[in-house]
Amino acid sequence: MMRPCLVGFAAALAACLSLPLFAAEKKAWITMGDAAFHQVRQFVPDIVSIESRQLAGGAETIHAVSLAESRLETVSRLVHQRMRKCGGFVFHQSEADARAALRNVAAAGSSLSYSIDHRDLVEPVLAQMGDKNIEATILMLSAFPNRYYRSQAGVAASNWLYSHWHELAQGRPDIVVRQFTHAGYPQTSHPEHRRQRQAG
């Protein structure tokens, strides 16, 4: 009398075993510096460098990296904790975009120039800048665990930047500050932000 039950159980077990145990996890592609890559790889062993390029003059090696999308916040947290800097990587929509960005960075490395060629505009602005204000902004941004747009910390950083820039632009009719929601991600915003977007 037990045989039909055993047969049924065996058939159900075989059906389950024939299915994949886990759905394939969505991949993400990022670019990051060599130091950050080696720090992260100690704790995220499935992270893979798919292409590497050295900046001109051998200053640094940059990697295009493939990893599970769910690992992005872990990567950001590790860079923040172990290297004392935020982010530590650039997110790309596809493998092709990551490889292209890597090639562009490597190609531009030898031709970057930071010379001031509009002194009449830049120097009066520089005279108004204060190192304490710059330091305060850096400290505020580094207080966020990461600024990845899908994380709560990323949303909070975006909202803080909006509020800060909105305050700086007070009394300047030639400046408009707006926040935009990502098409694939409903980023939260304060009522003031929504009013700004409607008014704009």
Protein backbone atom coordinates (compact mmCIF):
# COMPACT_ATOMS: atom_id res chain seq x y z
CA MET A 1 0.00 0.00 0.00
CA MET A 2 3.00 2.30 0.49
CA ARG A 3 4.48 1.68 -2.97
CA PRO A 4 2.34 4.27 -4.87
CA CYS A 5 3.37 6.91 -2.32
CA LEU A 6 7.04 6.03 -2.68
CA VAL A 7 6.76 6.10 -6.47
CA GLY A 8 5.06 9.49 -6.33
CA PHE A 9 7.68 10.87 -3.94
CA ALA A 10 10.52 9.60 -6.16
CA ALA A 11 8.96 11.22 -9.23
CA ALA A 12 8.54 14.54 -7.41
CA LEU A 13 12.13 14.41 -6.14
CA ALA A 14 13.45 13.70 -9.64
CA ALA A 15 11.47 16.63 -11.04
CA CYS A 16 12.90 18.96 -8.39
CA LEU A 17 16.45 17.78 -9.00
CA SER A 18 16.10 18.44 -12.71
CA LEU A 19 15.37 22.14 -12.03
CA PRO A 20 18.19 24.63 -11.35
CA LEU A 21 18.60 25.12 -7.61
CA PHE A 22 19.06 28.87 -8.02
CA ALA A 23 17.99 31.26 -10.73
CA ALA A 24 20.97 32.78 -12.53
CA GLU A 25 21.89 35.96 -10.69
CA LYS A 26 22.00 39.19 -12.66
CA LYS A 27 25.52 40.33 -13.49
CA ALA A 28 26.92 43.80 -13.02
CA TRP A 29 29.95 45.43 -14.65
CA ILE A 30 32.14 48.02 -12.99
CA THR A 31 35.57 49.60 -13.46
CA MET A 32 37.90 50.09 -10.51
CA GLY A 33 41.53 50.72 -9.62
CA ASP A 34 44.03 47.97 -8.93
CA ALA A 35 44.34 48.64 -5.18
CA ALA A 36 40.56 48.51 -4.65
CA PHE A 37 40.25 45.39 -6.81
CA HIS A 38 42.83 43.46 -4.76
CA GLN A 39 41.27 44.56 -1.46
CA VAL A 40 37.79 43.49 -2.55
CA ARG A 41 38.89 40.19 -4.09
CA GLN A 42 39.96 38.93 -0.65
CA PHE A 43 36.33 39.02 0.51
CA VAL A 44 34.38 38.68 -2.75
CA PRO A 45 36.09 35.72 -4.47
CA ASP A 46 33.62 35.60 -7.37
CA ILE A 47 34.67 39.06 -8.58
CA VAL A 48 36.48 38.69 -11.95
CA SER A 49 38.65 41.12 -13.91
CA ILE A 50 37.57 40.74 -17.56
CA GLU A 51 40.07 43.29 -18.92
CA SER A 52 42.81 45.51 -17.50
CA ARG A 53 44.53 48.62 -18.81
CA GLN A 54 47.44 50.60 -17.44
CA LEU A 55 47.25 54.36 -17.38
CA ALA A 56 49.89 56.29 -19.27
CA GLY A 57 53.20 56.42 -17.43
CA GLY A 58 52.32 53.26 -15.49
CA ALA A 59 50.61 55.28 -12.76
CA GLU A 60 47.84 52.76 -12.08
CA THR A 61 46.12 49.72 -13.52
CA ILE A 62 42.35 49.93 -14.01
CA HIS A 63 40.17 46.81 -14.23
CA ALA A 64 36.84 46.15 -15.93
CA VAL A 65 35.15 43.78 -13.50
CA SER A 66 32.25 41.33 -13.62
CA LEU A 67 30.35 40.34 -10.48
CA ALA A 68 26.87 39.51 -9.18
CA GLU A 69 24.74 42.66 -8.93
CA SER A 70 23.84 41.78 -5.33
CA ARG A 71 27.54 42.19 -4.41
CA LEU A 72 27.76 45.88 -5.35
CA GLU A 73 26.87 47.19 -1.91
CA THR A 74 29.37 44.76 -0.33
CA VAL A 75 32.09 46.05 -2.66
CA SER A 76 31.26 49.65 -1.82
CA ARG A 77 31.24 48.90 1.92
CA LEU A 78 34.61 47.12 1.75
CA VAL A 79 36.26 50.01 -0.13
CA HIS A 80 34.78 52.46 2.37
CA GLN A 81 35.97 50.49 5.41
CA ARG A 82 39.38 49.30 4.20
CA MET A 83 40.51 52.19 1.97
CA ARG A 84 38.69 55.06 3.67
CA LYS A 85 37.04 56.34 0.51
CA CYS A 86 33.52 56.23 -0.87
CA GLY A 87 32.40 54.25 -3.88
CA GLY A 88 35.68 53.04 -5.29
CA PHE A 89 34.19 51.98 -8.60
CA VAL A 90 32.16 53.16 -11.61
CA PHE A 91 29.02 51.22 -12.56
CA HIS A 92 28.32 50.44 -16.25
CA GLN A 93 25.14 49.22 -17.95
CA SER A 94 26.83 46.40 -19.89
CA GLU A 95 30.09 44.54 -20.39
CA ALA A 96 30.65 46.44 -23.63
CA ASP A 97 30.23 49.78 -21.81
CA ALA A 98 32.72 48.74 -19.12
CA ARG A 99 35.32 47.68 -21.69
CA ALA A 100 34.82 50.89 -23.69
CA ALA A 101 35.18 53.05 -20.57
CA LEU A 102 38.37 51.22 -19.68
CA ARG A 103 39.88 51.86 -23.11
CA ASN A 104 38.82 55.53 -23.02
CA VAL A 105 40.39 56.10 -19.59
CA ALA A 106 43.64 54.46 -20.65
CA ALA A 107 43.75 56.47 -23.90
CA ALA A 108 43.03 59.77 -22.14
CA GLY A 109 45.61 59.22 -19.42
CA SER A 110 48.46 60.75 -21.41
CA SER A 111 46.52 63.77 -22.70
CA LEU A 112 44.83 65.09 -19.52
CA SER A 113 45.58 68.72 -18.81
CA TYR A 114 44.47 70.72 -15.78
CA SER A 115 45.88 74.07 -16.82
CA ILE A 116 43.65 77.07 -16.18
CA ASP A 117 42.90 78.61 -19.55
CA HIS A 118 40.08 80.98 -18.47
CA ARG A 119 41.87 82.90 -15.73
CA ASP A 120 39.48 85.85 -15.93
CA LEU A 121 36.59 83.56 -14.90
CA VAL A 122 38.34 81.05 -12.64
CA GLU A 123 40.57 83.19 -10.44
CA PRO A 124 37.77 85.38 -8.95
CA VAL A 125 35.87 82.19 -8.07
CA LEU A 126 38.97 80.61 -6.51
CA ALA A 127 39.41 83.69 -4.33
CA GLN A 128 35.95 83.08 -2.85
CA MET A 129 36.57 79.42 -2.06
CA GLY A 130 37.37 78.38 1.49
CA ASP A 131 39.22 75.21 2.44
CA LYS A 132 36.92 74.71 5.44
CA ASN A 133 33.85 74.61 3.17
CA ILE A 134 35.51 72.08 0.87
CA GLU A 135 36.56 69.96 3.87
CA ALA A 136 33.03 70.05 5.30
CA THR A 137 31.55 68.87 1.98
CA ILE A 138 34.07 66.02 1.70
CA LEU A 139 33.42 64.93 5.30
CA MET A 140 29.66 65.02 4.76
CA LEU A 141 29.83 62.91 1.58
CA SER A 142 32.29 60.43 3.15
CA ALA A 143 29.86 59.89 6.03
CA PHE A 144 27.53 57.99 3.67
CA PRO A 145 28.50 54.26 3.54
CA ASN A 146 28.11 54.44 -0.26
CA ARG A 147 26.40 56.53 -2.93
CA TYR A 148 25.09 53.68 -5.10
CA TYR A 149 21.70 54.85 -6.40
CA ARG A 150 19.84 51.65 -5.45
CA SER A 151 20.87 51.87 -1.79
CA GLN A 152 19.24 53.95 0.94
CA ALA A 153 22.61 55.65 1.52
CA GLY A 154 22.75 56.58 -2.16
CA VAL A 155 19.26 58.10 -2.01
CA ALA A 156 20.19 60.02 1.14
CA ALA A 157 23.38 61.33 -0.50
CA SER A 158 21.43 62.44 -3.56
CA ASN A 159 18.90 64.26 -1.38
CA TRP A 160 21.66 65.94 0.63
CA LEU A 161 23.41 67.12 -2.54
CA TYR A 162 20.16 68.50 -3.88
CA SER A 163 19.46 70.42 -0.65
CA HIS A 164 23.02 71.72 -0.43
CA TRP A 165 23.15 72.89 -4.04
CA HIS A 166 19.65 74.37 -3.75
CA GLU A 167 20.84 76.40 -0.77
CA LEU A 168 23.97 77.56 -2.63
CA ALA A 169 21.83 78.68 -5.58
CA GLN A 170 19.51 80.88 -3.48
CA GLY A 171 19.27 84.34 -4.99
CA ARG A 172 20.72 83.19 -8.34
CA PRO A 173 17.95 83.30 -10.99
CA ASP A 174 20.45 81.98 -13.56
CA ILE A 175 20.83 78.67 -11.69
CA VAL A 176 18.20 75.91 -11.49
CA VAL A 177 18.73 72.85 -9.28
CA ARG A 178 16.61 69.75 -9.95
CA GLN A 179 16.55 66.08 -9.02
CA PHE A 180 15.63 63.45 -11.57
CA THR A 181 14.32 59.96 -10.86
CA HIS A 182 16.06 57.04 -12.56
CA ALA A 183 13.80 55.45 -15.20
CA GLY A 184 14.34 51.92 -13.84
CA TYR A 185 14.34 52.81 -10.15
CA PRO A 186 11.75 54.88 -8.27
CA GLN A 187 14.12 57.01 -6.19
CA THR A 188 12.48 58.62 -3.19
CA SER A 189 12.37 62.41 -2.95
CA HIS A 190 11.09 65.03 -0.56
CA PRO A 191 7.94 67.10 -1.37
CA GLU A 192 10.18 70.14 -1.95
CA HIS A 193 12.02 68.21 -4.67
CA ARG A 194 8.76 67.25 -6.35
CA ARG A 195 7.59 70.86 -6.32
CA GLN A 196 10.86 71.89 -7.94
CA ARG A 197 10.42 69.36 -10.73
CA GLN A 198 6.79 70.39 -11.35
CA ALA A 199 7.70 74.07 -11.34
CA GLY A 200 10.62 73.46 -13.71
